[in-house]
C-alpha atoms as a PDB file:
ATOM      1  CA  UNK A   1     108.688 111.842 192.340  1.00  0.00           C
ATOM      2  CA  UNK A   2     107.330 113.241 188.825  1.00  0.00           C
ATOM      3  CA  UNK A   3     107.827 110.193 187.126  1.00  0.00           C
ATOM      4  CA  UNK A   4     106.007 107.955 189.785  1.00  0.00           C
ATOM      5  CA  UNK A   5     103.123 110.082 188.936  1.00  0.00           C
ATOM      6  CA  UNK A   6     103.515 109.775 185.167  1.00  0.00           C
ATOM      7  CA  UNK A   7     103.713 106.008 185.002  1.00  0.00           C
ATOM      8  CA  UNK A   8     100.922 105.957 187.787  1.00  0.00           C
ATOM      9  CA  UNK A   9      98.491 107.677 185.813  1.00  0.00           C
ATOM     10  CA  UNK A  10      99.403 106.161 182.606  1.00  0.00           C
ATOM     11  CA  UNK A  11      98.889 102.481 183.931  1.00  0.00           C
ATOM     12  CA  UNK A  12      95.694 103.364 186.162  1.00  0.00           C
ATOM     13  CA  UNK A  13      93.817 105.332 183.247  1.00  0.00           C
ATOM     14  CA  UNK A  14      94.510 102.440 180.596  1.00  0.00           C
ATOM     15  CA  UNK A  15      93.494  99.929 183.565  1.00  0.00           C
ATOM     16  CA  UNK A  16      90.063 102.019 184.100  1.00  0.00           C
ATOM     17  CA  UNK A  17      89.053 101.936 180.392  1.00  0.00           C
ATOM     18  CA  UNK A  18      89.585  98.499 179.982  1.00  0.00           C
ATOM     19  CA  UNK A  19      87.856  97.825 183.367  1.00  0.00           C
ATOM     20  CA  UNK A  20      84.820 100.014 182.471  1.00  0.00           C
ATOM     21  CA  UNK A  21      84.507  98.219 179.131  1.00  0.00           C
ATOM     22  CA  UNK A  22      84.382  94.744 180.767  1.00  0.00           C
ATOM     23  CA  UNK A  23      82.052  95.994 183.470  1.00  0.00           C
ATOM     24  CA  UNK A  24      79.570  97.066 181.059  1.00  0.00           C
ATOM     25  CA  UNK A  25      79.814  93.997 178.738  1.00  0.00           C
ATOM     26  CA  UNK A  26      79.746  91.414 181.575  1.00  0.00           C
ATOM     27  CA  UNK A  27      77.088  93.710 183.481  1.00  0.00           C
ATOM     28  CA  UNK A  28      79.195  93.684 186.780  1.00  0.00           C
ATOM     29  CA  UNK A  29      78.795  96.197 189.189  1.00  0.00           C
ATOM     30  CA  UNK A  30      81.828  95.418 191.095  1.00  0.00           C
ATOM     31  CA  UNK A  31      83.794  96.036 188.059  1.00  0.00           C
ATOM     32  CA  UNK A  32      82.270  99.261 187.467  1.00  0.00           C
ATOM     33  CA  UNK A  33      82.363 100.329 190.705  1.00  0.00           C
ATOM     34  CA  UNK A  34      86.231  99.464 191.099  1.00  0.00           C
ATOM     35  CA  UNK A  35      86.486 101.416 187.693  1.00  0.00           C
ATOM     36  CA  UNK A  36      84.871 104.529 189.199  1.00  0.00           C
ATOM     37  CA  UNK A  37      87.398 104.303 192.248  1.00  0.00           C
ATOM     38  CA  UNK A  38      90.334 104.053 190.005  1.00  0.00           C
ATOM     39  CA  UNK A  39      89.131 106.643 187.793  1.00  0.00           C
ATOM     40  CA  UNK A  40      88.908 108.726 190.864  1.00  0.00           C
ATOM     41  CA  UNK A  41      92.584 107.847 191.786  1.00  0.00           C
ATOM     42  CA  UNK A  42      93.657 108.690 188.199  1.00  0.00           C
ATOM     43  CA  UNK A  43      91.990 112.152 189.439  1.00  0.00           C
ATOM     44  CA  UNK A  44      93.652 112.713 192.293  1.00  0.00           C
ATOM     45  CA  UNK A  45      97.256 111.460 190.751  1.00  0.00           C
ATOM     46  CA  UNK A  46      96.616 114.352 188.144  1.00  0.00           C
ATOM     47  CA  UNK A  47      95.909 117.011 190.802  1.00  0.00           C
ATOM     48  CA  UNK A  48      98.498 115.408 193.048  1.00  0.00           C
ATOM     49  CA  UNK A  49     100.993 115.882 190.010  1.00  0.00           C
ATOM     50  CA  UNK A  50     100.171 119.116 189.185  1.00  0.00           C
ATOM     51  CA  UNK A  51     100.363 120.522 192.933  1.00  0.00           C
ATOM     52  CA  UNK A  52     103.713 119.235 193.131  1.00  0.00           C
ATOM     53  CA  UNK A  53     104.814 120.916 189.939  1.00  0.00           C
ATOM     54  CA  UNK A  54     103.355 124.189 191.597  1.00  0.00           C
ATOM     55  CA  UNK A  55     105.367 123.672 194.765  1.00  0.00           C
ATOM     56  CA  UNK A  56     108.409 123.944 192.868  1.00  0.00           C
ATOM     57  CA  UNK A  57     107.788 127.446 191.835  1.00  0.00           C
ATOM     58  CA  UNK A  58     109.585 130.185 193.578  1.00  0.00           C
ATOM     59  CA  UNK A  59     107.795 132.859 195.668  1.00  0.00           C
ATOM     60  CA  UNK A  60     106.639 136.198 193.872  1.00  0.00           C
ATOM     61  CA  UNK A  61     105.308 139.297 194.582  1.00  0.00           C
ATOM     62  CA  UNK A  62     101.907 137.879 194.843  1.00  0.00           C
ATOM     63  CA  UNK A  63     102.488 134.683 196.521  1.00  0.00           C
ATOM     64  CA  UNK A  64     105.269 135.237 198.832  1.00  0.00           C
ATOM     65  CA  UNK A  65     105.226 131.551 200.120  1.00  0.00           C
ATOM     66  CA  UNK A  66     105.068 130.151 196.786  1.00  0.00           C
ATOM     67  CA  UNK A  67     102.494 127.948 195.722  1.00  0.00           C
ATOM     68  CA  UNK A  68     103.159 124.834 198.251  1.00  0.00           C
ATOM     69  CA  UNK A  69      99.546 124.944 199.587  1.00  0.00           C
ATOM     70  CA  UNK A  70      98.406 123.805 196.422  1.00  0.00           C
ATOM     71  CA  UNK A  71      99.612 120.570 197.381  1.00  0.00           C
ATOM     72  CA  UNK A  72      96.938 120.495 200.539  1.00  0.00           C
ATOM     73  CA  UNK A  73      94.240 121.538 198.146  1.00  0.00           C
ATOM     74  CA  UNK A  74      95.038 118.695 195.750  1.00  0.00           C
ATOM     75  CA  UNK A  75      94.415 116.321 198.768  1.00  0.00           C
ATOM     76  CA  UNK A  76      91.275 117.711 199.584  1.00  0.00           C
ATOM     77  CA  UNK A  77      89.840 117.731 196.303  1.00  0.00           C
ATOM     78  CA  UNK A  78      91.176 114.164 195.834  1.00  0.00           C
ATOM     79  CA  UNK A  79      89.107 113.266 199.225  1.00  0.00           C
ATOM     80  CA  UNK A  80      86.020 115.091 197.937  1.00  0.00           C
ATOM     81  CA  UNK A  81      86.178 113.294 194.502  1.00  0.00           C
ATOM     82  CA  UNK A  82      86.459 109.983 196.115  1.00  0.00           C
ATOM     83  CA  UNK A  83      83.368 110.668 198.797  1.00  0.00           C
ATOM     84  CA  UNK A  84      81.454 111.489 195.526  1.00  0.00           C
ATOM     85  CA  UNK A  85      82.174 108.058 194.017  1.00  0.00           C
ATOM     86  CA  UNK A  86      81.368 106.243 197.017  1.00  0.00           C
ATOM     87  CA  UNK A  87      77.812 108.153 197.097  1.00  0.00           C
ATOM     88  CA  UNK A  88      77.154 106.690 193.484  1.00  0.00           C
ATOM     89  CA  UNK A  89      78.552 103.165 193.956  1.00  0.00           C
ATOM     90  CA  UNK A  90      76.089 102.891 196.819  1.00  0.00           C
ATOM     91  CA  UNK A  91      73.077 104.389 195.038  1.00  0.00           C
ATOM     92  CA  UNK A  92      73.578 101.826 192.292  1.00  0.00           C
ATOM     93  CA  UNK A  93      74.365  98.894 194.428  1.00  0.00           C
ATOM     94  CA  UNK A  94      71.160  99.340 196.238  1.00  0.00           C
ATOM     95  CA  UNK A  95      68.801 100.037 193.354  1.00  0.00           C
ATOM     96  CA  UNK A  96      70.349  96.627 192.306  1.00  0.00           C
ATOM     97  CA  UNK A  97      69.759  94.892 195.437  1.00  0.00           C
ATOM     98  CA  UNK A  98      66.149  95.635 195.826  1.00  0.00           C
ATOM     99  CA  UNK A  99      65.635  94.977 192.239  1.00  0.00           C
ATOM    100  CA  UNK A 100      63.371  92.144 190.945  1.00  0.00           C
ATOM    101  CA  UNK A 101      65.851  90.040 189.216  1.00  0.00           C
ATOM    102  CA  UNK A 102      69.989  89.742 189.302  1.00  0.00           C
ATOM    103  CA  UNK A 103      71.596  90.052 185.840  1.00  0.00           C
ATOM    104  CA  UNK A 104      74.226  87.274 184.842  1.00  0.00           C
ATOM    105  CA  UNK A 105      77.578  88.126 184.724  1.00  0.00           C
ATOM    106  CA  UNK A 106      80.293  86.119 183.329  1.00  0.00           C
ATOM    107  CA  UNK A 107      82.452  85.444 186.229  1.00  0.00           C
ATOM    108  CA  UNK A 108      85.466  84.228 184.363  1.00  0.00           C
ATOM    109  CA  UNK A 109      85.797  87.502 182.579  1.00  0.00           C
ATOM    110  CA  UNK A 110      85.817  89.504 185.962  1.00  0.00           C
ATOM    111  CA  UNK A 111      88.198  87.161 187.806  1.00  0.00           C
ATOM    112  CA  UNK A 112      90.823  87.924 185.055  1.00  0.00           C
ATOM    113  CA  UNK A 113      90.015  91.968 184.957  1.00  0.00           C
ATOM    114  CA  UNK A 114      90.139  92.332 188.705  1.00  0.00           C
ATOM    115  CA  UNK A 115      93.520  89.794 188.694  1.00  0.00           C
ATOM    116  CA  UNK A 116      94.928  92.656 186.440  1.00  0.00           C
ATOM    117  CA  UNK A 117      93.965  95.367 188.535  1.00  0.00           C
ATOM    118  CA  UNK A 118      95.764  93.413 191.863  1.00  0.00           C
ATOM    119  CA  UNK A 119      99.207  93.913 189.703  1.00  0.00           C
ATOM    120  CA  UNK A 120      98.605  97.194 188.456  1.00  0.00           C
ATOM    121  CA  UNK A 121      97.352  98.848 191.771  1.00  0.00           C
ATOM    122  CA  UNK A 122     100.362  97.237 193.651  1.00  0.00           C
ATOM    123  CA  UNK A 123     102.891  98.290 191.326  1.00  0.00           C
ATOM    124  CA  UNK A 124     101.637 101.879 191.184  1.00  0.00           C
ATOM    125  CA  UNK A 125     101.338 101.800 195.283  1.00  0.00           C
ATOM    126  CA  UNK A 126     105.213 100.730 195.696  1.00  0.00           C
ATOM    127  CA  UNK A 127     105.882 103.923 193.209  1.00  0.00           C
ATOM    128  CA  UNK A 128     104.881 106.057 196.290  1.00  0.00           C
ATOM    129  CA  UNK A 129     105.932 103.944 199.352  1.00  0.00           C
ATOM    130  CA  UNK A 130     109.265 105.429 200.152  1.00  0.00           C
ATOM    131  CA  UNK A 131     107.724 109.064 200.349  1.00  0.00           C
ATOM    132  CA  UNK A 132     104.449 108.339 201.594  1.00  0.00           C
ATOM    133  CA  UNK A 133     105.507 108.859 205.401  1.00  0.00           C
ATOM    134  CA  UNK A 134     106.794 112.571 204.860  1.00  0.00           C
ATOM    135  CA  UNK A 135     104.484 113.557 202.247  1.00  0.00           C
ATOM    136  CA  UNK A 136     100.769 113.901 202.428  1.00  0.00           C
ATOM    137  CA  UNK A 137     100.032 113.520 198.863  1.00  0.00           C
ATOM    138  CA  UNK A 138     102.256 110.713 198.456  1.00  0.00           C
ATOM    139  CA  UNK A 139     100.701 109.155 201.451  1.00  0.00           C
ATOM    140  CA  UNK A 140      96.934 109.625 199.648  1.00  0.00           C
ATOM    141  CA  UNK A 141      98.224 108.090 196.345  1.00  0.00           C
ATOM    142  CA  UNK A 142      99.862 105.271 198.310  1.00  0.00           C
ATOM    143  CA  UNK A 143      96.850 104.534 200.319  1.00  0.00           C
ATOM    144  CA  UNK A 144      94.477 104.488 197.303  1.00  0.00           C
ATOM    145  CA  UNK A 145      96.744 102.215 195.142  1.00  0.00           C
ATOM    146  CA  UNK A 146      97.032  99.677 198.072  1.00  0.00           C
ATOM    147  CA  UNK A 147      93.300  99.993 198.772  1.00  0.00           C
ATOM    148  CA  UNK A 148      92.609  99.464 195.171  1.00  0.00           C
ATOM    149  CA  UNK A 149      94.739  96.269 195.101  1.00  0.00           C
ATOM    150  CA  UNK A 150      92.851  95.016 198.019  1.00  0.00           C
ATOM    151  CA  UNK A 151      89.333  95.652 196.465  1.00  0.00           C
ATOM    152  CA  UNK A 152      90.549  93.779 193.205  1.00  0.00           C
ATOM    153  CA  UNK A 153      91.323  90.855 195.343  1.00  0.00           C
ATOM    154  CA  UNK A 154      87.989  91.072 196.949  1.00  0.00           C
ATOM    155  CA  UNK A 155      86.287  91.454 193.473  1.00  0.00           C
ATOM    156  CA  UNK A 156      88.191  87.979 192.446  1.00  0.00           C
ATOM    157  CA  UNK A 157      87.148  86.248 195.614  1.00  0.00           C
ATOM    158  CA  UNK A 158      83.684  86.933 195.410  1.00  0.00           C
ATOM    159  CA  UNK A 159      83.575  86.003 191.518  1.00  0.00           C
ATOM    160  CA  UNK A 160      85.180  82.879 192.501  1.00  0.00           C
ATOM    161  CA  UNK A 161      82.169  82.374 194.905  1.00  0.00           C
ATOM    162  CA  UNK A 162      79.543  83.669 192.562  1.00  0.00           C
ATOM    163  CA  UNK A 163      80.798  81.448 189.780  1.00  0.00           C
ATOM    164  CA  UNK A 164      80.735  78.152 191.916  1.00  0.00           C
ATOM    165  CA  UNK A 165      77.213  79.218 193.688  1.00  0.00           C
ATOM    166  CA  UNK A 166      75.608  81.538 191.148  1.00  0.00           C
ATOM    167  CA  UNK A 167      74.416  83.965 194.185  1.00  0.00           C
ATOM    168  CA  UNK A 168      74.429  86.970 191.553  1.00  0.00           C
ATOM    169  CA  UNK A 169      73.408  89.216 194.404  1.00  0.00           C
ATOM    170  CA  UNK A 170      76.959  88.681 195.731  1.00  0.00           C
ATOM    171  CA  UNK A 171      78.062  91.201 192.997  1.00  0.00           C
ATOM    172  CA  UNK A 172      76.239  94.559 194.708  1.00  0.00           C
ATOM    173  CA  UNK A 173      77.107  93.346 197.749  1.00  0.00           C
ATOM    174  CA  UNK A 174      80.667  93.412 197.137  1.00  0.00           C
ATOM    175  CA  UNK A 175      80.262  96.888 195.528  1.00  0.00           C
ATOM    176  CA  UNK A 176      78.966  97.835 198.742  1.00  0.00           C
ATOM    177  CA  UNK A 177      81.989  96.572 200.613  1.00  0.00           C
ATOM    178  CA  UNK A 178      84.016  98.424 197.996  1.00  0.00           C
ATOM    179  CA  UNK A 179      82.232 101.643 199.214  1.00  0.00           C
ATOM    180  CA  UNK A 180      82.828 101.143 202.546  1.00  0.00           C
ATOM    181  CA  UNK A 181      86.560 100.405 201.992  1.00  0.00           C
ATOM    182  CA  UNK A 182      87.089 103.561 199.922  1.00  0.00           C
ATOM    183  CA  UNK A 183      85.149 105.697 202.807  1.00  0.00           C
ATOM    184  CA  UNK A 184      87.171 104.205 205.414  1.00  0.00           C
ATOM    185  CA  UNK A 185      90.137 105.069 203.826  1.00  0.00           C
ATOM    186  CA  UNK A 186      89.180 108.304 202.512  1.00  0.00           C
ATOM    187  CA  UNK A 187      87.491 109.700 205.483  1.00  0.00           C
ATOM    188  CA  UNK A 188      90.965 110.167 207.428  1.00  0.00           C
ATOM    189  CA  UNK A 189      92.395 111.935 204.367  1.00  0.00           C
ATOM    190  CA  UNK A 190      89.643 114.522 204.159  1.00  0.00           C
ATOM    191  CA  UNK A 191      89.798 115.247 207.642  1.00  0.00           C
ATOM    192  CA  UNK A 192      93.541 115.771 207.806  1.00  0.00           C
ATOM    193  CA  UNK A 193      93.668 117.683 204.340  1.00  0.00           C
ATOM    194  CA  UNK A 194      90.540 119.860 205.441  1.00  0.00           C
ATOM    195  CA  UNK A 195      92.692 120.835 208.918  1.00  0.00           C
ATOM    196  CA  UNK A 196      95.668 121.774 206.992  1.00  0.00           C
ATOM    197  CA  UNK A 197      93.712 123.963 204.769  1.00  0.00           C
ATOM    198  CA  UNK A 198      92.489 125.526 207.653  1.00  0.00           C
ATOM    199  CA  UNK A 199      95.927 126.203 209.100  1.00  0.00           C
ATOM    200  CA  UNK A 200      95.517 123.644 211.920  1.00  0.00           C
ATOM    201  CA  UNK A 201      98.727 122.322 213.725  1.00  0.00           C
ATOM    202  CA  UNK A 202     100.224 119.361 211.398  1.00  0.00           C
ATOM    203  CA  UNK A 203     100.142 115.895 212.626  1.00  0.00           C
ATOM    204  CA  UNK A 204     103.147 115.044 214.488  1.00  0.00           C
ATOM    205  CA  UNK A 205     103.587 118.215 216.197  1.00  0.00           C
ATOM    206  CA  UNK A 206     102.457 118.958 219.585  1.00  0.00           C
ATOM    207  CA  UNK A 207     102.187 122.809 220.366  1.00  0.00           C
ATOM    208  CA  UNK A 208     102.895 122.205 224.172  1.00  0.00           C
ATOM    209  CA  UNK A 209     106.126 120.289 223.077  1.00  0.00           C
ATOM    210  CA  UNK A 210     107.454 123.365 221.161  1.00  0.00           C
ATOM    211  CA  UNK A 211     106.207 125.701 224.340  1.00  0.00           C
ATOM    212  CA  UNK A 212     108.355 123.706 226.355  1.00  0.00           C
ATOM    213  CA  UNK A 213     111.457 123.707 224.282  1.00  0.00           C
ATOM    214  CA  UNK A 214     111.438 127.531 223.428  1.00  0.00           C
ATOM    215  CA  UNK A 215     110.583 128.282 227.385  1.00  0.00           C
ATOM    216  CA  UNK A 216     113.445 126.042 228.406  1.00  0.00           C
ATOM    217  CA  UNK A 217     116.097 128.429 226.280  1.00  0.00           C
ATOM    218  CA  UNK A 218     118.433 130.516 228.199  1.00  0.00           C
ATOM    219  CA  UNK A 219     117.237 133.731 228.669  1.00  0.00           C
ATOM    220  CA  UNK A 220     113.587 133.198 227.704  1.00  0.00           C
ATOM    221  CA  UNK A 221     111.080 134.674 230.211  1.00  0.00           C
ATOM    222  CA  UNK A 222     107.579 134.076 228.224  1.00  0.00           C
ATOM    223  CA  UNK A 223     106.199 132.924 224.698  1.00  0.00           C
ATOM    224  CA  UNK A 224     103.263 134.393 223.035  1.00  0.00           C
ATOM    225  CA  UNK A 225     102.033 134.712 219.890  1.00  0.00           C
ATOM    226  CA  UNK A 226     102.953 131.191 218.662  1.00  0.00           C
ATOM    227  CA  UNK A 227     101.769 129.813 215.563  1.00  0.00           C
ATOM    228  CA  UNK A 228     102.378 126.652 213.656  1.00  0.00           C
ATOM    229  CA  UNK A 229     101.054 125.196 210.434  1.00  0.00           C
ATOM    230  CA  UNK A 230     101.448 123.672 207.351  1.00  0.00           C
ATOM    231  CA  UNK A 231     102.914 125.634 204.217  1.00  0.00           C
ATOM    232  CA  UNK A 232     102.507 122.219 202.001  1.00  0.00           C
ATOM    233  CA  UNK A 233     102.051 118.738 202.689  1.00  0.00           C
ATOM    234  CA  UNK A 234     105.623 118.344 203.338  1.00  0.00           C
ATOM    235  CA  UNK A 235     106.590 122.029 204.707  1.00  0.00           C
ATOM    236  CA  UNK A 236     105.711 123.396 208.058  1.00  0.00           C
ATOM    237  CA  UNK A 237     105.991 126.715 209.519  1.00  0.00           C
ATOM    238  CA  UNK A 238     106.460 128.745 213.012  1.00  0.00           C
ATOM    239  CA  UNK A 239     106.200 131.991 214.136  1.00  0.00           C
ATOM    240  CA  UNK A 240     106.628 132.807 217.723  1.00  0.00           C
ATOM    241  CA  UNK A 241     107.426 136.054 220.018  1.00  0.00           C
ATOM    242  CA  UNK A 242     110.113 135.202 222.848  1.00  0.00           C
ATOM    243  CA  UNK A 243     110.389 137.888 225.552  1.00  0.00           C
ATOM    244  CA  UNK A 244     114.268 138.045 226.736  1.00  0.00           C
ATOM    245  CA  UNK A 245     114.294 140.783 229.659  1.00  0.00           C
ATOM    246  CA  UNK A 246     118.210 140.339 229.659  1.00  0.00           C
ATOM    247  CA  UNK A 247     118.860 141.719 226.084  1.00  0.00           C
ATOM    248  CA  UNK A 248     118.935 140.318 222.438  1.00  0.00           C
ATOM    249  CA  UNK A 249     120.973 137.196 222.292  1.00  0.00           C
ATOM    250  CA  UNK A 250     122.120 137.800 218.557  1.00  0.00           C
ATOM    251  CA  UNK A 251     121.792 136.002 215.067  1.00  0.00           C
ATOM    252  CA  UNK A 252     123.556 133.048 216.330  1.00  0.00           C
ATOM    253  CA  UNK A 253     120.993 132.189 218.952  1.00  0.00           C
ATOM    254  CA  UNK A 254     118.264 132.399 216.446  1.00  0.00           C
ATOM    255  CA  UNK A 255     119.992 130.353 214.097  1.00  0.00           C
ATOM    256  CA  UNK A 256     120.923 127.649 216.307  1.00  0.00           C
ATOM    257  CA  UNK A 257     116.964 127.593 217.760  1.00  0.00           C
ATOM    258  CA  UNK A 258     115.635 127.285 214.280  1.00  0.00           C
ATOM    259  CA  UNK A 259     118.061 124.421 213.398  1.00  0.00           C
ATOM    260  CA  UNK A 260     116.943 122.692 216.368  1.00  0.00           C
ATOM    261  CA  UNK A 261     113.130 123.052 216.011  1.00  0.00           C
ATOM    262  CA  UNK A 262     113.672 121.706 212.580  1.00  0.00           C
ATOM    263  CA  UNK A 263     115.517 118.592 213.635  1.00  0.00           C
ATOM    264  CA  UNK A 264     113.175 117.931 216.591  1.00  0.00           C
ATOM    265  CA  UNK A 265     109.752 118.828 215.321  1.00  0.00           C
ATOM    266  CA  UNK A 266     110.276 118.812 211.284  1.00  0.00           C
ATOM    267  CA  UNK A 267     109.559 122.572 211.189  1.00  0.00           C
ATOM    268  CA  UNK A 268     111.635 123.888 208.539  1.00  0.00           C
ATOM    269  CA  UNK A 269     110.511 127.527 208.081  1.00  0.00           C
ATOM    270  CA  UNK A 270     111.158 129.380 211.461  1.00  0.00           C
ATOM    271  CA  UNK A 271     110.652 132.964 212.444  1.00  0.00           C
ATOM    272  CA  UNK A 272     111.292 134.234 215.895  1.00  0.00           C
ATOM    273  CA  UNK A 273     110.936 137.624 217.248  1.00  0.00           C
ATOM    274  CA  UNK A 274     112.763 138.550 219.965  1.00  0.00           C
ATOM    275  CA  UNK A 275     111.417 141.195 222.540  1.00  0.00           C
ATOM    276  CA  UNK A 276     113.560 142.691 225.673  1.00  0.00           C
ATOM    277  CA  UNK A 277     110.293 144.256 227.240  1.00  0.00           C
ATOM    278  CA  UNK A 278     111.566 148.081 226.802  1.00  0.00           C
ATOM    279  CA  UNK A 279     113.032 150.403 224.166  1.00  0.00           C
ATOM    280  CA  UNK A 280     116.184 152.199 224.351  1.00  0.00           C
ATOM    281  CA  UNK A 281     115.042 154.692 226.731  1.00  0.00           C
ATOM    282  CA  UNK A 282     113.914 151.902 229.162  1.00  0.00           C
ATOM    283  CA  UNK A 283     110.207 152.597 228.843  1.00  0.00           C
ATOM    284  CA  UNK A 284     108.108 149.367 228.982  1.00  0.00           C
ATOM    285  CA  UNK A 285     106.876 148.263 225.639  1.00  0.00           C
ATOM    286  CA  UNK A 286     104.317 145.337 225.765  1.00  0.00           C
ATOM    287  CA  UNK A 287     103.440 143.581 222.568  1.00  0.00           C
ATOM    288  CA  UNK A 288     100.101 144.032 221.489  1.00  0.00           C
ATOM    289  CA  UNK A 289      99.907 140.277 220.482  1.00  0.00           C
ATOM    290  CA  UNK A 290     100.753 139.204 223.775  1.00  0.00           C
ATOM    291  CA  UNK A 291      97.003 139.228 224.811  1.00  0.00           C
ATOM    292  CA  UNK A 292      95.596 138.134 221.729  1.00  0.00           C
ATOM    293  CA  UNK A 293      94.223 134.746 221.012  1.00  0.00           C
ATOM    294  CA  UNK A 294      97.456 133.347 220.057  1.00  0.00           C
ATOM    295  CA  UNK A 295      98.767 130.120 221.747  1.00  0.00           C
END
């Protein structure tokens, strides 16, 4: 996916420079709003690319899980940047709407520049299409680029209408619509990445379903200290204590259970602690985590 990030960054950064220049030249707030959105996406792509590179680094004495969680932080930072961009667009568009007069805009230039944006954003979105179902960073990149293509299409349509009607107030209106589109697509990403950063259970995984599966295993009496969280945007982890009074089932049981959890729930890093409930002398040995706040 490194190549996809590199191509996407180069294409979109070049377009941001062009779109910003024409936006100031034509006095089009819609182009400038779209350019700011695209620039936020460039920053997001850079962050996601850097996080993907950090994810490949091996665990160390200081980072025993590696740096995979940097992909979650990148997705969160990307969402925050876009929300800040939305605020700026709304502020400027509102000021222009309540102004005394709307500036004249060369709609022909706006149409051609926005049309180029449709092509570039669509091509960039397709670079991430195949991975967006299983990687939050790839999904963020895909959604943003697809939304950008739709926004650029909206700018083209608005420019055609304004050219025919001379409704110059339509430009800031389109900017507000763009802001709404950005906010709608970003809020879900912000919530999801924030939840993962706080070690929430990843989407698509249900704690009750996991507990039901573990509880149905032969020899398992009870389950406690169950935790499920995301180690990165593509890797999930699980730890659990299984109480098996009839004795330890052996390493094969643990390996087969871990493999089945990965197959069923897409949780690849599984740690299971087997408890028989007593020590070698037969004395009861309750687990101190059994009565805690754990699932």
